[in-house]
């Protein structure tokens, strides 16, 4: 596995990581699957912003497949050792600060703020823009 994530880590996910897992991305699926297997086995603990649900469910609803959206929501909500965190006022304020200081998009700032407010060790992404946040105290693991 390319990413070095120690056992016992708490990790957050940028939305594309879940897409790679769910859609079996030809390049990234194997590595992401290993992360989810470790989470399922309790070796690591995952955190996901409710924003990711919005981003993930849009295609199913757009295609008129509310049943597919419900199935996906059930899968994520019931996934072992994965917490889905609401966007709270402290997360929103931290996101605004990150957006202002690091010039992130609102979705990226919300994912990062969720990780910071939840005291996450590592944010897993494939977006190198997040690397700017390492000075804010968040380890960024980029899929290569």
C-alpha atoms as a PDB file:
ATOM      1  CA  UNK A   1       0.000   0.000   0.000  1.00  0.00           C
ATOM      2  CA  UNK A   2       1.363   3.417  -0.941  1.00  0.00           C
ATOM      3  CA  UNK A   3      -0.123   5.401   1.937  1.00  0.00           C
ATOM      4  CA  UNK A   4       1.515   4.926   5.312  1.00  0.00           C
ATOM      5  CA  UNK A   5      -1.275   5.152   7.864  1.00  0.00           C
ATOM      6  CA  UNK A   6      -0.351   3.806  11.298  1.00  0.00           C
ATOM      7  CA  UNK A   7      -2.743   1.520  13.153  1.00  0.00           C
ATOM      8  CA  UNK A   8      -5.011   3.392  15.530  1.00  0.00           C
ATOM      9  CA  UNK A   9      -5.128   6.445  13.264  1.00  0.00           C
ATOM     10  CA  UNK A  10      -8.236   8.530  12.789  1.00  0.00           C
ATOM     11  CA  UNK A  11      -8.605   9.502   9.146  1.00  0.00           C
ATOM     12  CA  UNK A  12     -10.937  11.775   7.215  1.00  0.00           C
ATOM     13  CA  UNK A  13     -11.853  11.384   3.569  1.00  0.00           C
ATOM     14  CA  UNK A  14     -12.181  13.807   0.701  1.00  0.00           C
ATOM     15  CA  UNK A  15     -15.176  12.762  -1.427  1.00  0.00           C
ATOM     16  CA  UNK A  16     -13.219  11.378  -4.426  1.00  0.00           C
ATOM     17  CA  UNK A  17     -11.704   8.711  -2.164  1.00  0.00           C
ATOM     18  CA  UNK A  18     -15.170   7.287  -1.555  1.00  0.00           C
ATOM     19  CA  UNK A  19     -15.973   7.500  -5.259  1.00  0.00           C
ATOM     20  CA  UNK A  20     -12.833   5.475  -6.038  1.00  0.00           C
ATOM     21  CA  UNK A  21     -13.923   2.850  -3.526  1.00  0.00           C
ATOM     22  CA  UNK A  22     -17.571   2.677  -4.571  1.00  0.00           C
ATOM     23  CA  UNK A  23     -16.968   2.795  -8.332  1.00  0.00           C
ATOM     24  CA  UNK A  24     -13.896   0.544  -8.288  1.00  0.00           C
ATOM     25  CA  UNK A  25     -11.644   3.124  -9.948  1.00  0.00           C
ATOM     26  CA  UNK A  26      -9.106   1.269 -12.135  1.00  0.00           C
ATOM     27  CA  UNK A  27      -6.083   3.137 -10.776  1.00  0.00           C
ATOM     28  CA  UNK A  28      -6.980   3.829  -7.144  1.00  0.00           C
ATOM     29  CA  UNK A  29      -9.478   1.166  -6.076  1.00  0.00           C
ATOM     30  CA  UNK A  30      -6.972  -1.352  -4.726  1.00  0.00           C
ATOM     31  CA  UNK A  31      -5.258   1.157  -2.443  1.00  0.00           C
ATOM     32  CA  UNK A  32      -8.525   2.681  -1.260  1.00  0.00           C
ATOM     33  CA  UNK A  33     -10.043  -0.770  -0.704  1.00  0.00           C
ATOM     34  CA  UNK A  34      -7.154  -1.600   1.643  1.00  0.00           C
ATOM     35  CA  UNK A  35      -7.930   1.536   3.659  1.00  0.00           C
ATOM     36  CA  UNK A  36     -11.603   0.576   3.934  1.00  0.00           C
ATOM     37  CA  UNK A  37     -10.708  -3.007   4.880  1.00  0.00           C
ATOM     38  CA  UNK A  38      -8.489  -1.674   7.679  1.00  0.00           C
ATOM     39  CA  UNK A  39     -11.318   0.568   8.829  1.00  0.00           C
ATOM     40  CA  UNK A  40     -13.821  -2.288   8.694  1.00  0.00           C
ATOM     41  CA  UNK A  41     -11.439  -4.414  10.779  1.00  0.00           C
ATOM     42  CA  UNK A  42     -11.016  -1.678  13.389  1.00  0.00           C
ATOM     43  CA  UNK A  43      -7.343  -0.921  12.677  1.00  0.00           C
ATOM     44  CA  UNK A  44      -8.170   2.683  11.752  1.00  0.00           C
ATOM     45  CA  UNK A  45     -11.222   4.889  12.333  1.00  0.00           C
ATOM     46  CA  UNK A  46     -12.785   7.028   9.599  1.00  0.00           C
ATOM     47  CA  UNK A  47     -14.652  10.310   9.643  1.00  0.00           C
ATOM     48  CA  UNK A  48     -16.721  11.742   6.842  1.00  0.00           C
ATOM     49  CA  UNK A  49     -18.435  15.113   6.545  1.00  0.00           C
ATOM     50  CA  UNK A  50     -22.132  15.167   5.694  1.00  0.00           C
ATOM     51  CA  UNK A  51     -21.004  17.304   2.767  1.00  0.00           C
ATOM     52  CA  UNK A  52     -19.584  14.119   1.215  1.00  0.00           C
ATOM     53  CA  UNK A  53     -23.062  12.585   1.343  1.00  0.00           C
ATOM     54  CA  UNK A  54     -24.414  15.515  -0.639  1.00  0.00           C
ATOM     55  CA  UNK A  55     -21.646  15.146  -3.204  1.00  0.00           C
ATOM     56  CA  UNK A  56     -22.024  11.359  -3.454  1.00  0.00           C
ATOM     57  CA  UNK A  57     -25.820  11.202  -3.682  1.00  0.00           C
ATOM     58  CA  UNK A  58     -26.328  13.817  -6.419  1.00  0.00           C
ATOM     59  CA  UNK A  59     -25.688  11.472  -9.388  1.00  0.00           C
ATOM     60  CA  UNK A  60     -28.242   8.912  -8.163  1.00  0.00           C
ATOM     61  CA  UNK A  61     -30.911  11.552  -7.574  1.00  0.00           C
ATOM     62  CA  UNK A  62     -30.110  13.291 -10.867  1.00  0.00           C
ATOM     63  CA  UNK A  63     -30.652   9.982 -12.677  1.00  0.00           C
ATOM     64  CA  UNK A  64     -33.956   9.476 -10.854  1.00  0.00           C
ATOM     65  CA  UNK A  65     -32.644   6.580  -8.749  1.00  0.00           C
ATOM     66  CA  UNK A  66     -33.724   7.502  -5.227  1.00  0.00           C
ATOM     67  CA  UNK A  67     -33.475   3.811  -4.301  1.00  0.00           C
ATOM     68  CA  UNK A  68     -29.790   3.772  -5.270  1.00  0.00           C
ATOM     69  CA  UNK A  69     -29.218   6.909  -3.175  1.00  0.00           C
ATOM     70  CA  UNK A  70     -30.889   5.245  -0.171  1.00  0.00           C
ATOM     71  CA  UNK A  71     -28.791   2.106  -0.619  1.00  0.00           C
ATOM     72  CA  UNK A  72     -25.589   4.176  -0.729  1.00  0.00           C
ATOM     73  CA  UNK A  73     -26.654   6.159   2.329  1.00  0.00           C
ATOM     74  CA  UNK A  74     -27.340   2.910   4.178  1.00  0.00           C
ATOM     75  CA  UNK A  75     -23.958   1.475   3.192  1.00  0.00           C
ATOM     76  CA  UNK A  76     -22.053   4.512   4.445  1.00  0.00           C
ATOM     77  CA  UNK A  77     -24.181   5.019   7.556  1.00  0.00           C
ATOM     78  CA  UNK A  78     -23.680   1.411   8.576  1.00  0.00           C
ATOM     79  CA  UNK A  79     -20.019   1.054   7.630  1.00  0.00           C
ATOM     80  CA  UNK A  80     -17.989  -0.120  10.635  1.00  0.00           C
ATOM     81  CA  UNK A  81     -15.714   2.452  12.264  1.00  0.00           C
ATOM     82  CA  UNK A  82     -16.906   5.274   9.999  1.00  0.00           C
ATOM     83  CA  UNK A  83     -18.546   8.300  11.610  1.00  0.00           C
ATOM     84  CA  UNK A  84     -20.506  10.782   9.526  1.00  0.00           C
ATOM     85  CA  UNK A  85     -20.257  14.211  11.137  1.00  0.00           C
ATOM     86  CA  UNK A  86     -22.717  17.053  10.693  1.00  0.00           C
ATOM     87  CA  UNK A  87     -21.445  20.474   9.710  1.00  0.00           C
ATOM     88  CA  UNK A  88     -21.653  22.354  13.003  1.00  0.00           C
ATOM     89  CA  UNK A  89     -21.097  26.039  13.717  1.00  0.00           C
ATOM     90  CA  UNK A  90     -17.470  25.439  14.842  1.00  0.00           C
ATOM     91  CA  UNK A  91     -16.813  23.476  11.633  1.00  0.00           C
ATOM     92  CA  UNK A  92     -18.359  26.268   9.538  1.00  0.00           C
ATOM     93  CA  UNK A  93     -16.241  28.927  11.273  1.00  0.00           C
ATOM     94  CA  UNK A  94     -13.058  26.861  10.888  1.00  0.00           C
ATOM     95  CA  UNK A  95     -13.933  26.310   7.215  1.00  0.00           C
ATOM     96  CA  UNK A  96     -14.314  30.059   6.706  1.00  0.00           C
ATOM     97  CA  UNK A  97     -10.910  30.648   8.300  1.00  0.00           C
ATOM     98  CA  UNK A  98      -9.273  27.944   6.158  1.00  0.00           C
ATOM     99  CA  UNK A  99     -10.956  29.292   3.037  1.00  0.00           C
ATOM    100  CA  UNK A 100      -9.685  32.777   3.814  1.00  0.00           C
ATOM    101  CA  UNK A 101      -6.154  31.818   4.860  1.00  0.00           C
ATOM    102  CA  UNK A 102      -5.447  28.996   2.398  1.00  0.00           C
ATOM    103  CA  UNK A 103      -7.674  29.983  -0.541  1.00  0.00           C
ATOM    104  CA  UNK A 104      -9.521  26.658  -0.615  1.00  0.00           C
ATOM    105  CA  UNK A 105     -12.876  26.024  -2.240  1.00  0.00           C
ATOM    106  CA  UNK A 106     -15.803  25.901   0.167  1.00  0.00           C
ATOM    107  CA  UNK A 107     -16.192  22.096  -0.127  1.00  0.00           C
ATOM    108  CA  UNK A 108     -12.466  21.511   0.465  1.00  0.00           C
ATOM    109  CA  UNK A 109     -12.482  23.908   3.414  1.00  0.00           C
ATOM    110  CA  UNK A 110     -15.475  22.089   4.936  1.00  0.00           C
ATOM    111  CA  UNK A 111     -13.822  18.671   4.573  1.00  0.00           C
ATOM    112  CA  UNK A 112     -10.615  19.988   6.153  1.00  0.00           C
ATOM    113  CA  UNK A 113     -12.472  21.810   8.936  1.00  0.00           C
ATOM    114  CA  UNK A 114     -14.410  18.648   9.760  1.00  0.00           C
ATOM    115  CA  UNK A 115     -11.104  16.792  10.077  1.00  0.00           C
ATOM    116  CA  UNK A 116      -9.513  19.474  12.258  1.00  0.00           C
ATOM    117  CA  UNK A 117     -12.523  19.865  14.553  1.00  0.00           C
ATOM    118  CA  UNK A 118     -12.723  16.066  14.978  1.00  0.00           C
ATOM    119  CA  UNK A 119      -9.007  15.887  15.902  1.00  0.00           C
ATOM    120  CA  UNK A 120      -8.191  13.699  12.914  1.00  0.00           C
ATOM    121  CA  UNK A 121      -4.624  12.496  12.288  1.00  0.00           C
ATOM    122  CA  UNK A 122      -4.805  12.383   8.488  1.00  0.00           C
ATOM    123  CA  UNK A 123      -6.990  13.589   5.630  1.00  0.00           C
ATOM    124  CA  UNK A 124      -6.893  11.230   2.639  1.00  0.00           C
ATOM    125  CA  UNK A 125      -7.348  12.859  -0.760  1.00  0.00           C
ATOM    126  CA  UNK A 126      -6.035  12.929  -4.296  1.00  0.00           C
ATOM    127  CA  UNK A 127      -6.104  16.736  -4.397  1.00  0.00           C
ATOM    128  CA  UNK A 128      -2.679  18.271  -3.878  1.00  0.00           C
ATOM    129  CA  UNK A 129      -4.302  21.628  -2.971  1.00  0.00           C
ATOM    130  CA  UNK A 130      -4.869  20.166   0.495  1.00  0.00           C
ATOM    131  CA  UNK A 131      -1.092  20.015   1.078  1.00  0.00           C
ATOM    132  CA  UNK A 132      -1.251  23.718   1.976  1.00  0.00           C
ATOM    133  CA  UNK A 133      -3.038  22.676   5.160  1.00  0.00           C
ATOM    134  CA  UNK A 134      -0.125  20.799   6.674  1.00  0.00           C
ATOM    135  CA  UNK A 135       0.947  24.077   8.287  1.00  0.00           C
ATOM    136  CA  UNK A 136      -2.503  24.164   9.946  1.00  0.00           C
ATOM    137  CA  UNK A 137      -1.711  20.909  11.750  1.00  0.00           C
ATOM    138  CA  UNK A 138      -3.430  18.426   9.443  1.00  0.00           C
ATOM    139  CA  UNK A 139      -1.443  15.597   7.857  1.00  0.00           C
ATOM    140  CA  UNK A 140      -2.439  15.194   4.220  1.00  0.00           C
ATOM    141  CA  UNK A 141      -2.100  11.803   2.510  1.00  0.00           C
ATOM    142  CA  UNK A 142      -2.343  12.156  -1.272  1.00  0.00           C
ATOM    143  CA  UNK A 143      -3.018   9.144  -3.471  1.00  0.00           C
ATOM    144  CA  UNK A 144      -0.449   9.065  -6.255  1.00  0.00           C
END
